[in-house]
């Protein structure tokens, strides 16, 4: 969790922080002001993290073997609300066209075409040398980190793998900033997948849903 926090992933907000400059882990973060208790608020607006988590959940529930359109996504979302899987106030902030639009991209079409080879929401655990993550730790150090994570998805071919991860951040004109923000996290995911499957990950995609851009991470 702390590694994911280090890479600033809002979909997995944690209270613990890693401070690289001080080379120490800080304590728990405390807000300077107490928020109003939920029961005093007439309507609680969902946070960006909650909306992002809900979008991820919808992406994982999409039937890859069915035609994907705005209407089929909206129908599925309504069913998830009826089943109690997603809260109604969160659903109001999910744009079905963003999800259906992804499956109109080249990567989205490939995922549907190779549906039988696709795995989604795959948890992993791996040991990684601390020196590969932190500049202040020697590459020769024997210190290891036990990392847990969940890979959004990948397509596993006979001799290689294509990895993809969804992001719901507002991008605007800051694509490069978003790429740099998540590059480290994607490198960890790629290394974990290669260890688990003993296959080369030939393409690693950062899927920016709000702009329908699928960026390859080198």
N, C-alpha and C. Protein backbone atom coordinates (compact mmCIF):
# COMPACT_ATOMS: atom_id res chain seq x y z
N UNK A 1 0.83 -1.20 0.00
CA UNK A 1 0.00 0.00 0.00
C UNK A 1 0.87 1.26 0.00
N UNK A 2 1.97 1.21 0.75
CA UNK A 2 2.82 2.40 0.82
C UNK A 2 3.51 2.68 -0.50
N UNK A 3 3.83 1.63 -1.26
CA UNK A 3 4.44 1.83 -2.56
C UNK A 3 3.44 2.50 -3.48
N UNK A 4 2.19 2.07 -3.43
CA UNK A 4 1.17 2.69 -4.28
C UNK A 4 0.96 4.14 -3.87
N UNK A 5 1.03 4.42 -2.57
CA UNK A 5 0.92 5.78 -2.09
C UNK A 5 2.09 6.61 -2.63
N UNK A 6 3.28 5.99 -2.66
CA UNK A 6 4.46 6.67 -3.15
C UNK A 6 4.25 7.15 -4.58
N UNK A 7 3.53 6.36 -5.38
CA UNK A 7 3.28 6.71 -6.77
C UNK A 7 2.02 7.54 -6.92
N UNK A 8 1.47 8.01 -5.81
CA UNK A 8 0.37 8.97 -5.79
C UNK A 8 -0.87 8.50 -6.52
N UNK A 9 -1.25 7.26 -6.30
CA UNK A 9 -2.45 6.75 -6.95
C UNK A 9 -3.67 7.07 -6.09
N UNK A 10 -4.53 7.99 -6.51
CA UNK A 10 -5.69 8.38 -5.71
C UNK A 10 -6.72 7.28 -5.54
N UNK A 11 -6.65 6.22 -6.36
CA UNK A 11 -7.60 5.12 -6.25
C UNK A 11 -7.31 4.25 -5.05
N UNK A 12 -6.18 4.49 -4.38
CA UNK A 12 -5.83 3.69 -3.21
C UNK A 12 -5.25 4.59 -2.14
N UNK A 13 -6.00 5.64 -1.78
CA UNK A 13 -5.50 6.61 -0.81
C UNK A 13 -5.24 5.95 0.53
N UNK A 14 -4.08 6.25 1.10
CA UNK A 14 -3.70 5.67 2.39
C UNK A 14 -3.32 6.80 3.35
N UNK A 15 -3.28 6.51 4.64
CA UNK A 15 -2.89 7.50 5.63
C UNK A 15 -1.38 7.56 5.83
N UNK A 16 -0.69 6.47 5.51
CA UNK A 16 0.76 6.46 5.67
C UNK A 16 1.42 7.06 4.44
N UNK A 17 2.52 7.81 4.67
CA UNK A 17 3.22 8.44 3.59
C UNK A 17 4.69 8.06 3.64
N UNK A 18 5.34 8.04 2.49
CA UNK A 18 6.78 7.85 2.43
C UNK A 18 7.39 9.18 2.02
N UNK A 19 8.35 9.64 2.78
CA UNK A 19 9.05 10.87 2.46
C UNK A 19 10.43 10.52 1.97
N UNK A 20 10.68 10.66 0.69
CA UNK A 20 11.95 10.25 0.13
C UNK A 20 13.08 11.18 0.54
N UNK A 21 12.81 12.49 0.60
CA UNK A 21 13.87 13.42 0.92
C UNK A 21 14.43 13.18 2.31
N UNK A 22 13.56 12.92 3.26
CA UNK A 22 14.02 12.69 4.62
C UNK A 22 14.44 11.26 4.86
N UNK A 23 14.16 10.40 3.89
CA UNK A 23 14.53 9.00 3.98
C UNK A 23 13.89 8.30 5.17
N UNK A 24 12.75 8.80 5.60
CA UNK A 24 12.05 8.19 6.72
C UNK A 24 10.58 8.16 6.41
N UNK A 25 9.85 7.32 7.12
CA UNK A 25 8.41 7.27 6.95
C UNK A 25 7.79 8.19 7.98
N UNK A 26 6.92 9.04 7.53
CA UNK A 26 6.26 9.95 8.44
C UNK A 26 5.13 9.24 9.16
N UNK A 27 4.57 9.91 10.16
CA UNK A 27 3.45 9.33 10.89
C UNK A 27 2.16 9.56 10.16
N UNK A 28 1.07 9.37 10.86
CA UNK A 28 -0.23 9.52 10.20
C UNK A 28 -0.52 10.99 9.93
N UNK A 29 -1.11 11.21 8.79
CA UNK A 29 -1.46 12.56 8.39
C UNK A 29 -2.73 12.99 9.10
N UNK A 30 -2.73 14.21 9.65
CA UNK A 30 -3.89 14.71 10.38
C UNK A 30 -4.37 16.00 9.72
N UNK A 31 -5.61 16.05 9.38
CA UNK A 31 -6.18 17.25 8.80
C UNK A 31 -6.19 18.37 9.84
N UNK A 32 -5.90 19.60 9.44
CA UNK A 32 -5.88 20.71 10.39
C UNK A 32 -7.25 21.03 10.98
N UNK A 33 -8.29 20.75 10.22
CA UNK A 33 -9.64 21.02 10.70
C UNK A 33 -10.47 19.75 10.60
N UNK A 34 -11.35 19.57 11.59
CA UNK A 34 -12.23 18.40 11.56
C UNK A 34 -13.37 18.65 10.58
N UNK A 35 -13.65 17.70 9.70
CA UNK A 35 -14.78 17.86 8.78
C UNK A 35 -16.09 17.73 9.54
N UNK A 36 -17.14 18.24 8.97
CA UNK A 36 -18.46 18.10 9.59
C UNK A 36 -18.84 16.64 9.59
N UNK A 37 -19.41 16.13 10.68
CA UNK A 37 -19.86 14.73 10.71
C UNK A 37 -20.85 14.47 9.60
N UNK A 38 -20.81 13.24 9.06
CA UNK A 38 -21.66 12.89 7.92
C UNK A 38 -23.13 13.11 8.22
N UNK A 39 -23.54 12.83 9.48
CA UNK A 39 -24.98 12.93 9.79
C UNK A 39 -25.47 14.37 9.84
N UNK A 40 -24.53 15.34 9.83
CA UNK A 40 -24.93 16.74 9.82
C UNK A 40 -25.02 17.29 8.40
N UNK A 41 -24.57 16.54 7.45
CA UNK A 41 -24.60 16.98 6.07
C UNK A 41 -25.86 16.45 5.40
N UNK A 42 -26.57 17.34 4.74
CA UNK A 42 -27.80 16.93 4.07
C UNK A 42 -27.48 15.96 2.92
N UNK A 43 -26.49 16.29 2.12
CA UNK A 43 -26.10 15.44 1.00
C UNK A 43 -24.57 15.34 0.98
N UNK A 44 -24.07 14.12 1.01
CA UNK A 44 -22.63 13.94 0.95
C UNK A 44 -22.22 13.65 -0.49
N UNK A 45 -21.39 14.53 -1.03
CA UNK A 45 -20.94 14.34 -2.39
C UNK A 45 -19.80 13.32 -2.42
N UNK A 46 -19.82 12.39 -3.37
CA UNK A 46 -18.75 11.39 -3.44
C UNK A 46 -17.42 12.05 -3.79
N UNK A 47 -16.35 11.51 -3.25
CA UNK A 47 -15.02 12.03 -3.55
C UNK A 47 -14.56 11.54 -4.91
N UNK A 48 -13.53 12.16 -5.44
CA UNK A 48 -12.97 11.73 -6.72
C UNK A 48 -12.46 10.30 -6.62
N UNK A 49 -11.90 9.95 -5.46
CA UNK A 49 -11.39 8.58 -5.27
C UNK A 49 -12.53 7.57 -5.31
N UNK A 50 -13.68 7.92 -4.70
CA UNK A 50 -14.83 7.01 -4.72
C UNK A 50 -15.37 6.84 -6.13
N UNK A 51 -15.41 7.93 -6.87
CA UNK A 51 -15.88 7.84 -8.26
C UNK A 51 -14.90 7.01 -9.08
N UNK A 52 -13.60 7.24 -8.87
CA UNK A 52 -12.58 6.47 -9.58
C UNK A 52 -12.68 4.99 -9.29
N UNK A 53 -12.90 4.65 -8.03
CA UNK A 53 -13.05 3.25 -7.64
C UNK A 53 -14.28 2.63 -8.30
N UNK A 54 -15.37 3.40 -8.36
CA UNK A 54 -16.60 2.91 -8.99
C UNK A 54 -16.40 2.68 -10.48
N UNK A 55 -15.70 3.59 -11.14
CA UNK A 55 -15.43 3.44 -12.57
C UNK A 55 -14.60 2.18 -12.81
N UNK A 56 -13.59 1.96 -11.96
CA UNK A 56 -12.79 0.75 -12.08
C UNK A 56 -13.68 -0.50 -11.94
N UNK A 57 -14.59 -0.45 -11.00
CA UNK A 57 -15.46 -1.60 -10.78
C UNK A 57 -16.33 -1.86 -12.01
N UNK A 58 -16.86 -0.79 -12.59
CA UNK A 58 -17.68 -0.94 -13.79
C UNK A 58 -16.84 -1.54 -14.93
N UNK A 59 -15.61 -1.04 -15.08
CA UNK A 59 -14.74 -1.56 -16.13
C UNK A 59 -14.51 -3.06 -15.98
N UNK A 60 -14.42 -3.51 -14.74
CA UNK A 60 -14.18 -4.94 -14.50
C UNK A 60 -15.43 -5.79 -14.75
N UNK A 61 -16.59 -5.18 -14.69
CA UNK A 61 -17.84 -5.91 -14.86
C UNK A 61 -18.33 -5.96 -16.31
N UNK A 62 -17.71 -5.18 -17.16
CA UNK A 62 -18.15 -5.14 -18.56
C UNK A 62 -18.03 -6.52 -19.20
N UNK A 63 -19.08 -6.96 -19.87
CA UNK A 63 -19.07 -8.22 -20.59
C UNK A 63 -18.34 -8.00 -21.91
N UNK A 64 -17.12 -8.54 -22.01
CA UNK A 64 -16.28 -8.29 -23.18
C UNK A 64 -16.80 -8.97 -24.43
N UNK A 65 -17.70 -9.94 -24.27
CA UNK A 65 -18.20 -10.68 -25.43
C UNK A 65 -19.53 -10.14 -25.93
N UNK A 66 -19.94 -9.02 -25.34
CA UNK A 66 -21.19 -8.38 -25.76
C UNK A 66 -20.87 -7.05 -26.42
N UNK A 67 -21.71 -6.61 -27.35
CA UNK A 67 -21.51 -5.30 -27.96
C UNK A 67 -21.53 -4.23 -26.87
N UNK A 68 -20.55 -3.36 -26.89
CA UNK A 68 -20.43 -2.34 -25.85
C UNK A 68 -20.81 -0.98 -26.42
N UNK A 69 -21.91 -0.43 -25.92
CA UNK A 69 -22.39 0.89 -26.33
C UNK A 69 -22.73 1.71 -25.10
N UNK A 70 -23.05 2.98 -25.32
CA UNK A 70 -23.46 3.83 -24.20
C UNK A 70 -24.64 3.20 -23.46
N UNK A 71 -25.61 2.69 -24.22
CA UNK A 71 -26.82 2.17 -23.61
C UNK A 71 -26.55 0.88 -22.82
N UNK A 72 -25.67 0.01 -23.33
CA UNK A 72 -25.40 -1.23 -22.60
C UNK A 72 -24.64 -0.93 -21.30
N UNK A 73 -23.77 0.08 -21.35
CA UNK A 73 -23.05 0.47 -20.13
C UNK A 73 -24.01 1.08 -19.12
N UNK A 74 -24.90 1.95 -19.59
CA UNK A 74 -25.88 2.57 -18.69
C UNK A 74 -26.78 1.51 -18.07
N UNK A 75 -27.18 0.54 -18.86
CA UNK A 75 -28.02 -0.55 -18.37
C UNK A 75 -27.29 -1.34 -17.28
N UNK A 76 -26.02 -1.61 -17.52
CA UNK A 76 -25.23 -2.36 -16.54
C UNK A 76 -25.05 -1.58 -15.24
N UNK A 77 -24.81 -0.28 -15.37
CA UNK A 77 -24.62 0.56 -14.19
C UNK A 77 -25.89 0.58 -13.33
N UNK A 78 -27.06 0.71 -13.99
CA UNK A 78 -28.33 0.71 -13.26
C UNK A 78 -28.52 -0.62 -12.52
N UNK A 79 -28.09 -1.71 -13.14
CA UNK A 79 -28.21 -3.01 -12.50
C UNK A 79 -27.29 -3.11 -11.29
N UNK A 80 -26.10 -2.52 -11.39
CA UNK A 80 -25.16 -2.53 -10.27
C UNK A 80 -25.71 -1.71 -9.10
N UNK A 81 -26.40 -0.63 -9.41
CA UNK A 81 -27.05 0.17 -8.36
C UNK A 81 -28.16 -0.64 -7.71
N UNK A 82 -28.96 -1.30 -8.53
CA UNK A 82 -30.07 -2.11 -8.01
C UNK A 82 -29.56 -3.23 -7.12
N UNK A 83 -28.38 -3.75 -7.45
CA UNK A 83 -27.80 -4.84 -6.65
C UNK A 83 -27.07 -4.34 -5.41
N UNK A 84 -26.98 -3.00 -5.29
CA UNK A 84 -26.30 -2.44 -4.13
C UNK A 84 -24.79 -2.42 -4.25
N UNK A 85 -24.27 -2.66 -5.46
CA UNK A 85 -22.83 -2.69 -5.66
C UNK A 85 -22.23 -1.29 -5.72
N UNK A 86 -23.01 -0.33 -6.21
CA UNK A 86 -22.56 1.06 -6.32
C UNK A 86 -23.66 1.97 -5.79
N UNK A 87 -23.28 3.00 -5.06
CA UNK A 87 -24.27 3.93 -4.51
C UNK A 87 -24.79 4.86 -5.62
N UNK A 88 -26.04 5.22 -5.48
CA UNK A 88 -26.69 6.02 -6.52
C UNK A 88 -26.04 7.39 -6.68
N UNK A 89 -25.60 8.01 -5.58
CA UNK A 89 -25.00 9.34 -5.70
C UNK A 89 -23.64 9.27 -6.41
N UNK A 90 -22.98 8.12 -6.35
CA UNK A 90 -21.71 7.95 -7.06
C UNK A 90 -21.96 7.75 -8.55
N UNK A 91 -22.99 6.99 -8.87
CA UNK A 91 -23.33 6.69 -10.26
C UNK A 91 -23.59 7.96 -11.06
N UNK A 92 -24.16 8.97 -10.42
CA UNK A 92 -24.47 10.21 -11.11
C UNK A 92 -23.23 10.89 -11.67
N UNK A 93 -22.07 10.50 -11.15
CA UNK A 93 -20.83 11.11 -11.62
C UNK A 93 -20.02 10.18 -12.53
N UNK A 94 -20.63 9.08 -12.93
CA UNK A 94 -19.98 8.17 -13.87
C UNK A 94 -20.51 8.43 -15.28
N UNK A 95 -19.62 8.74 -16.18
CA UNK A 95 -20.00 9.02 -17.56
C UNK A 95 -19.87 7.73 -18.37
N UNK A 96 -21.00 7.18 -18.77
CA UNK A 96 -21.01 5.92 -19.52
C UNK A 96 -20.25 6.03 -20.83
N UNK A 97 -20.25 7.23 -21.42
CA UNK A 97 -19.57 7.40 -22.71
C UNK A 97 -18.06 7.27 -22.57
N UNK A 98 -17.54 7.57 -21.39
CA UNK A 98 -16.11 7.42 -21.15
C UNK A 98 -15.72 5.94 -21.19
N UNK A 99 -16.59 5.11 -20.62
CA UNK A 99 -16.32 3.67 -20.58
C UNK A 99 -16.52 3.04 -21.95
N UNK A 100 -17.63 3.33 -22.59
CA UNK A 100 -17.86 2.77 -23.93
C UNK A 100 -16.83 3.30 -24.92
N UNK A 101 -16.41 4.54 -24.71
CA UNK A 101 -15.41 5.14 -25.60
C UNK A 101 -14.09 4.42 -25.56
N UNK A 102 -13.72 3.92 -24.38
CA UNK A 102 -12.46 3.18 -24.27
C UNK A 102 -12.48 1.96 -25.18
N UNK A 103 -13.61 1.27 -25.22
CA UNK A 103 -13.70 0.05 -26.02
C UNK A 103 -13.83 0.33 -27.52
N UNK A 104 -13.86 1.62 -27.87
CA UNK A 104 -13.82 2.01 -29.28
C UNK A 104 -12.39 2.31 -29.71
N UNK A 105 -11.45 2.34 -28.76
CA UNK A 105 -10.04 2.56 -29.09
C UNK A 105 -9.43 1.26 -29.60
N UNK A 106 -8.24 1.36 -30.18
CA UNK A 106 -7.57 0.16 -30.70
C UNK A 106 -7.32 -0.85 -29.59
N UNK A 107 -6.87 -0.38 -28.43
CA UNK A 107 -6.62 -1.29 -27.31
C UNK A 107 -7.93 -1.91 -26.82
N UNK A 108 -8.97 -1.10 -26.72
CA UNK A 108 -10.26 -1.60 -26.27
C UNK A 108 -10.80 -2.67 -27.21
N UNK A 109 -10.64 -2.45 -28.51
CA UNK A 109 -11.09 -3.44 -29.50
C UNK A 109 -10.29 -4.73 -29.37
N UNK A 110 -8.97 -4.59 -29.12
CA UNK A 110 -8.12 -5.77 -28.97
C UNK A 110 -8.53 -6.58 -27.74
N UNK A 111 -8.85 -5.88 -26.65
CA UNK A 111 -9.28 -6.56 -25.43
C UNK A 111 -10.56 -7.36 -25.69
N UNK A 112 -11.49 -6.78 -26.44
CA UNK A 112 -12.71 -7.52 -26.78
C UNK A 112 -12.43 -8.69 -27.72
N UNK A 113 -11.57 -8.44 -28.70
CA UNK A 113 -11.24 -9.48 -29.67
C UNK A 113 -10.57 -10.68 -29.01
N UNK A 114 -9.73 -10.40 -28.00
CA UNK A 114 -8.99 -11.46 -27.31
C UNK A 114 -9.58 -11.71 -25.92
N UNK A 115 -10.88 -11.59 -25.79
CA UNK A 115 -11.55 -11.69 -24.49
C UNK A 115 -11.17 -12.96 -23.72
N UNK A 116 -10.99 -14.06 -24.42
CA UNK A 116 -10.66 -15.33 -23.75
C UNK A 116 -9.25 -15.32 -23.16
N UNK A 117 -8.43 -14.38 -23.59
CA UNK A 117 -7.05 -14.30 -23.10
C UNK A 117 -6.88 -13.21 -22.04
N UNK A 118 -7.98 -12.52 -21.72
CA UNK A 118 -7.92 -11.37 -20.81
C UNK A 118 -8.14 -11.79 -19.36
N UNK A 119 -7.30 -11.26 -18.48
CA UNK A 119 -7.50 -11.40 -17.03
C UNK A 119 -7.66 -10.01 -16.45
N UNK A 120 -8.60 -9.87 -15.50
CA UNK A 120 -8.85 -8.56 -14.89
C UNK A 120 -8.83 -8.66 -13.38
N UNK A 121 -8.46 -7.54 -12.74
CA UNK A 121 -8.40 -7.46 -11.28
C UNK A 121 -7.59 -8.61 -10.70
N UNK A 122 -6.32 -8.64 -11.05
CA UNK A 122 -5.44 -9.74 -10.63
C UNK A 122 -4.55 -9.28 -9.47
N UNK A 123 -4.74 -9.84 -8.27
CA UNK A 123 -3.89 -9.46 -7.13
C UNK A 123 -2.52 -10.13 -7.26
N UNK A 124 -1.50 -9.47 -6.72
CA UNK A 124 -0.17 -10.07 -6.75
C UNK A 124 0.61 -9.69 -5.49
N UNK A 125 1.59 -10.51 -5.19
CA UNK A 125 2.54 -10.24 -4.12
C UNK A 125 3.93 -10.55 -4.66
N UNK A 126 4.87 -9.65 -4.43
CA UNK A 126 6.22 -9.89 -4.95
C UNK A 126 7.26 -9.26 -4.03
N UNK A 127 8.46 -9.82 -4.07
CA UNK A 127 9.60 -9.22 -3.40
C UNK A 127 10.36 -8.38 -4.42
N UNK A 128 10.71 -7.16 -4.03
CA UNK A 128 11.45 -6.29 -4.94
C UNK A 128 12.58 -5.64 -4.16
N UNK A 129 13.75 -5.57 -4.77
CA UNK A 129 14.89 -4.96 -4.10
C UNK A 129 14.61 -3.49 -3.83
N UNK A 130 14.85 -3.07 -2.59
CA UNK A 130 14.58 -1.69 -2.21
C UNK A 130 15.40 -0.72 -3.05
N UNK A 131 16.60 -1.15 -3.44
CA UNK A 131 17.47 -0.29 -4.25
C UNK A 131 16.93 0.02 -5.61
N UNK A 132 15.97 -0.78 -6.07
CA UNK A 132 15.35 -0.51 -7.37
C UNK A 132 14.26 0.53 -7.29
N UNK A 133 13.86 0.87 -6.07
CA UNK A 133 12.79 1.85 -5.88
C UNK A 133 13.26 3.15 -5.27
N UNK A 134 14.25 3.08 -4.39
CA UNK A 134 14.68 4.26 -3.67
C UNK A 134 16.13 4.60 -4.00
N UNK A 135 16.36 5.83 -4.46
CA UNK A 135 17.69 6.24 -4.89
C UNK A 135 18.71 6.21 -3.76
N UNK A 136 18.28 6.43 -2.54
CA UNK A 136 19.22 6.52 -1.42
C UNK A 136 19.65 5.15 -0.90
N UNK A 137 19.05 4.09 -1.45
CA UNK A 137 19.43 2.73 -1.06
C UNK A 137 20.28 2.12 -2.17
N UNK A 138 21.42 1.55 -1.80
CA UNK A 138 22.34 0.98 -2.77
C UNK A 138 21.69 -0.15 -3.57
N UNK A 139 22.02 -0.21 -4.86
CA UNK A 139 21.52 -1.29 -5.72
C UNK A 139 21.99 -2.65 -5.22
N UNK A 140 23.11 -2.64 -4.48
CA UNK A 140 23.69 -3.89 -3.97
C UNK A 140 23.11 -4.31 -2.62
N UNK A 141 22.22 -3.49 -2.09
CA UNK A 141 21.65 -3.78 -0.78
C UNK A 141 20.82 -5.06 -0.81
N UNK A 142 20.84 -5.79 0.30
CA UNK A 142 20.04 -7.02 0.41
C UNK A 142 18.63 -6.73 0.91
N UNK A 143 18.33 -5.47 1.15
CA UNK A 143 17.00 -5.11 1.64
C UNK A 143 15.95 -5.32 0.55
N UNK A 144 14.86 -5.98 0.92
CA UNK A 144 13.76 -6.23 -0.02
C UNK A 144 12.47 -5.65 0.52
N UNK A 145 11.55 -5.36 -0.37
CA UNK A 145 10.22 -4.91 0.00
C UNK A 145 9.20 -5.93 -0.47
N UNK A 146 8.25 -6.24 0.41
CA UNK A 146 7.15 -7.12 0.02
C UNK A 146 6.02 -6.22 -0.47
N UNK A 147 5.69 -6.36 -1.74
CA UNK A 147 4.71 -5.46 -2.37
C UNK A 147 3.45 -6.23 -2.73
N UNK A 148 2.31 -5.66 -2.34
CA UNK A 148 1.01 -6.21 -2.71
C UNK A 148 0.33 -5.21 -3.65
N UNK A 149 -0.38 -5.71 -4.62
CA UNK A 149 -1.09 -4.81 -5.51
C UNK A 149 -2.16 -5.55 -6.29
N UNK A 150 -2.91 -4.80 -7.09
CA UNK A 150 -3.94 -5.39 -7.96
C UNK A 150 -3.76 -4.81 -9.36
N UNK A 151 -3.52 -5.68 -10.31
CA UNK A 151 -3.35 -5.27 -11.70
C UNK A 151 -4.72 -5.19 -12.36
N UNK A 152 -5.02 -4.05 -12.99
CA UNK A 152 -6.33 -3.89 -13.62
C UNK A 152 -6.60 -4.95 -14.67
N UNK A 153 -5.59 -5.23 -15.49
CA UNK A 153 -5.82 -6.27 -16.49
C UNK A 153 -4.64 -6.50 -17.41
N UNK A 154 -4.68 -7.63 -18.09
CA UNK A 154 -3.65 -7.93 -19.09
C UNK A 154 -4.18 -8.97 -20.07
N UNK A 155 -3.58 -8.97 -21.25
CA UNK A 155 -3.88 -9.97 -22.28
C UNK A 155 -2.68 -10.90 -22.34
N UNK A 156 -2.90 -12.17 -22.08
CA UNK A 156 -1.79 -13.13 -22.05
C UNK A 156 -1.78 -13.99 -23.31
N UNK A 157 -0.82 -13.70 -24.17
CA UNK A 157 -0.63 -14.50 -25.37
C UNK A 157 0.32 -15.65 -25.05
N UNK A 158 0.57 -16.50 -26.02
CA UNK A 158 1.41 -17.68 -25.77
C UNK A 158 2.83 -17.30 -25.39
N UNK A 159 3.36 -16.24 -26.00
CA UNK A 159 4.75 -15.90 -25.76
C UNK A 159 4.99 -14.48 -25.25
N UNK A 160 3.92 -13.74 -24.98
CA UNK A 160 4.10 -12.39 -24.44
C UNK A 160 2.80 -11.91 -23.79
N UNK A 161 2.90 -10.76 -23.13
CA UNK A 161 1.75 -10.20 -22.40
C UNK A 161 1.62 -8.71 -22.71
N UNK A 162 0.39 -8.24 -22.79
CA UNK A 162 0.09 -6.81 -22.88
C UNK A 162 -0.60 -6.41 -21.58
N UNK A 163 -0.02 -5.46 -20.89
CA UNK A 163 -0.52 -5.00 -19.59
C UNK A 163 -1.26 -3.68 -19.75
N UNK A 164 -2.37 -3.52 -19.04
CA UNK A 164 -3.08 -2.24 -19.08
C UNK A 164 -3.61 -1.86 -17.70
N UNK A 165 -3.65 -0.56 -17.45
CA UNK A 165 -4.11 -0.04 -16.16
C UNK A 165 -4.93 1.22 -16.40
N UNK A 166 -6.10 1.28 -15.79
CA UNK A 166 -7.01 2.41 -16.01
C UNK A 166 -6.76 3.53 -15.00
N UNK A 167 -6.81 4.77 -15.50
CA UNK A 167 -6.70 5.94 -14.63
C UNK A 167 -7.85 6.88 -14.94
N UNK A 168 -8.42 7.46 -13.88
CA UNK A 168 -9.58 8.33 -14.05
C UNK A 168 -9.25 9.79 -13.76
N UNK A 169 -7.98 10.11 -13.61
CA UNK A 169 -7.56 11.48 -13.32
C UNK A 169 -8.04 12.45 -14.39
N UNK A 170 -8.29 13.69 -13.97
CA UNK A 170 -8.51 14.76 -14.93
C UNK A 170 -7.16 15.08 -15.55
N UNK A 171 -7.07 15.04 -16.86
CA UNK A 171 -5.78 15.20 -17.53
C UNK A 171 -5.56 16.61 -18.05
N UNK A 172 -6.56 17.15 -18.75
CA UNK A 172 -6.38 18.48 -19.35
C UNK A 172 -5.24 18.44 -20.35
N UNK A 173 -4.32 19.41 -20.22
CA UNK A 173 -3.16 19.44 -21.12
C UNK A 173 -1.89 18.97 -20.41
N UNK A 174 -2.07 18.14 -19.38
CA UNK A 174 -0.93 17.70 -18.57
C UNK A 174 -0.68 16.19 -18.70
N UNK A 175 -0.73 15.69 -19.91
CA UNK A 175 -0.53 14.26 -20.15
C UNK A 175 0.83 13.81 -19.63
N UNK A 176 1.86 14.59 -19.94
CA UNK A 176 3.21 14.21 -19.52
C UNK A 176 3.32 14.12 -18.00
N UNK A 177 2.66 15.04 -17.31
CA UNK A 177 2.68 15.03 -15.85
C UNK A 177 2.01 13.77 -15.31
N UNK A 178 0.89 13.37 -15.91
CA UNK A 178 0.18 12.16 -15.48
C UNK A 178 1.04 10.92 -15.74
N UNK A 179 1.70 10.90 -16.90
CA UNK A 179 2.56 9.76 -17.23
C UNK A 179 3.68 9.62 -16.21
N UNK A 180 4.33 10.74 -15.89
CA UNK A 180 5.41 10.70 -14.91
C UNK A 180 4.91 10.32 -13.53
N UNK A 181 3.69 10.70 -13.23
CA UNK A 181 3.09 10.39 -11.94
C UNK A 181 2.95 8.89 -11.73
N UNK A 182 2.59 8.16 -12.80
CA UNK A 182 2.30 6.73 -12.66
C UNK A 182 3.36 5.81 -13.25
N UNK A 183 4.40 6.37 -13.84
CA UNK A 183 5.41 5.53 -14.50
C UNK A 183 6.01 4.50 -13.54
N UNK A 184 6.38 4.95 -12.34
CA UNK A 184 6.99 4.04 -11.36
C UNK A 184 6.07 2.89 -10.99
N UNK A 185 4.80 3.20 -10.79
CA UNK A 185 3.82 2.17 -10.43
C UNK A 185 3.69 1.14 -11.54
N UNK A 186 3.66 1.60 -12.80
CA UNK A 186 3.50 0.69 -13.92
C UNK A 186 4.74 -0.20 -14.09
N UNK A 187 5.91 0.33 -13.79
CA UNK A 187 7.13 -0.47 -13.86
C UNK A 187 7.08 -1.61 -12.84
N UNK A 188 6.58 -1.29 -11.63
CA UNK A 188 6.43 -2.32 -10.60
C UNK A 188 5.44 -3.39 -11.06
N UNK A 189 4.30 -2.97 -11.61
CA UNK A 189 3.29 -3.92 -12.09
C UNK A 189 3.86 -4.81 -13.19
N UNK A 190 4.60 -4.20 -14.10
CA UNK A 190 5.18 -4.96 -15.21
C UNK A 190 6.17 -6.01 -14.69
N UNK A 191 7.03 -5.61 -13.77
CA UNK A 191 8.00 -6.56 -13.22
C UNK A 191 7.30 -7.69 -12.48
N UNK A 192 6.24 -7.35 -11.73
CA UNK A 192 5.50 -8.38 -10.99
C UNK A 192 4.88 -9.38 -11.95
N UNK A 193 4.29 -8.89 -13.02
CA UNK A 193 3.62 -9.77 -13.98
C UNK A 193 4.64 -10.67 -14.69
N UNK A 194 5.79 -10.12 -15.01
CA UNK A 194 6.81 -10.94 -15.67
C UNK A 194 7.33 -12.03 -14.75
N UNK A 195 7.42 -11.71 -13.44
CA UNK A 195 7.85 -12.73 -12.48
C UNK A 195 6.79 -13.83 -12.34
N UNK A 196 5.55 -13.42 -12.25
CA UNK A 196 4.45 -14.38 -12.02
C UNK A 196 4.26 -15.29 -13.23
N UNK A 197 4.26 -14.71 -14.42
CA UNK A 197 3.93 -15.46 -15.63
C UNK A 197 5.15 -16.00 -16.36
N UNK A 198 6.33 -15.53 -15.98
CA UNK A 198 7.56 -15.94 -16.66
C UNK A 198 7.46 -15.68 -18.17
N UNK A 199 6.87 -14.55 -18.50
CA UNK A 199 6.75 -14.11 -19.90
C UNK A 199 7.09 -12.63 -19.97
N UNK A 200 7.51 -12.20 -21.14
CA UNK A 200 7.85 -10.80 -21.34
C UNK A 200 6.59 -9.96 -21.53
N UNK A 201 6.53 -8.84 -20.80
CA UNK A 201 5.47 -7.87 -21.04
C UNK A 201 5.98 -6.94 -22.14
N UNK A 202 5.42 -7.06 -23.32
CA UNK A 202 5.91 -6.31 -24.47
C UNK A 202 5.31 -4.91 -24.58
N UNK A 203 4.14 -4.72 -24.01
CA UNK A 203 3.49 -3.40 -24.04
C UNK A 203 2.82 -3.14 -22.70
N UNK A 204 3.06 -1.95 -22.17
CA UNK A 204 2.46 -1.54 -20.91
C UNK A 204 1.67 -0.26 -21.16
N UNK A 205 0.35 -0.35 -21.02
CA UNK A 205 -0.51 0.80 -21.35
C UNK A 205 -1.07 1.47 -20.10
N UNK A 206 -0.95 2.79 -20.08
CA UNK A 206 -1.63 3.61 -19.09
C UNK A 206 -2.86 4.16 -19.80
N UNK A 207 -4.04 3.72 -19.39
CA UNK A 207 -5.28 4.09 -20.08
C UNK A 207 -5.92 5.29 -19.41
N UNK A 208 -5.81 6.45 -20.03
CA UNK A 208 -6.37 7.68 -19.48
C UNK A 208 -7.81 7.80 -19.98
N UNK A 209 -8.73 7.35 -19.15
CA UNK A 209 -10.12 7.22 -19.59
C UNK A 209 -10.76 8.55 -19.98
N UNK A 210 -10.44 9.61 -19.26
CA UNK A 210 -11.10 10.88 -19.51
C UNK A 210 -10.72 11.51 -20.84
N UNK A 211 -9.59 11.11 -21.40
CA UNK A 211 -9.17 11.66 -22.70
C UNK A 211 -9.11 10.59 -23.77
N UNK A 212 -9.47 9.34 -23.41
CA UNK A 212 -9.46 8.24 -24.37
C UNK A 212 -8.07 8.04 -24.98
N UNK A 213 -7.04 8.25 -24.18
CA UNK A 213 -5.66 8.03 -24.62
C UNK A 213 -5.10 6.81 -23.93
N UNK A 214 -4.49 5.95 -24.70
CA UNK A 214 -3.80 4.77 -24.17
C UNK A 214 -2.31 4.96 -24.42
N UNK A 215 -1.60 5.32 -23.37
CA UNK A 215 -0.19 5.71 -23.50
C UNK A 215 0.71 4.52 -23.16
N UNK A 216 1.67 4.27 -24.03
CA UNK A 216 2.63 3.19 -23.76
C UNK A 216 3.71 3.69 -22.83
N UNK A 217 3.93 2.95 -21.73
CA UNK A 217 4.97 3.28 -20.76
C UNK A 217 6.21 2.47 -21.08
N UNK A 218 7.30 3.16 -21.35
CA UNK A 218 8.56 2.47 -21.68
C UNK A 218 9.26 2.00 -20.40
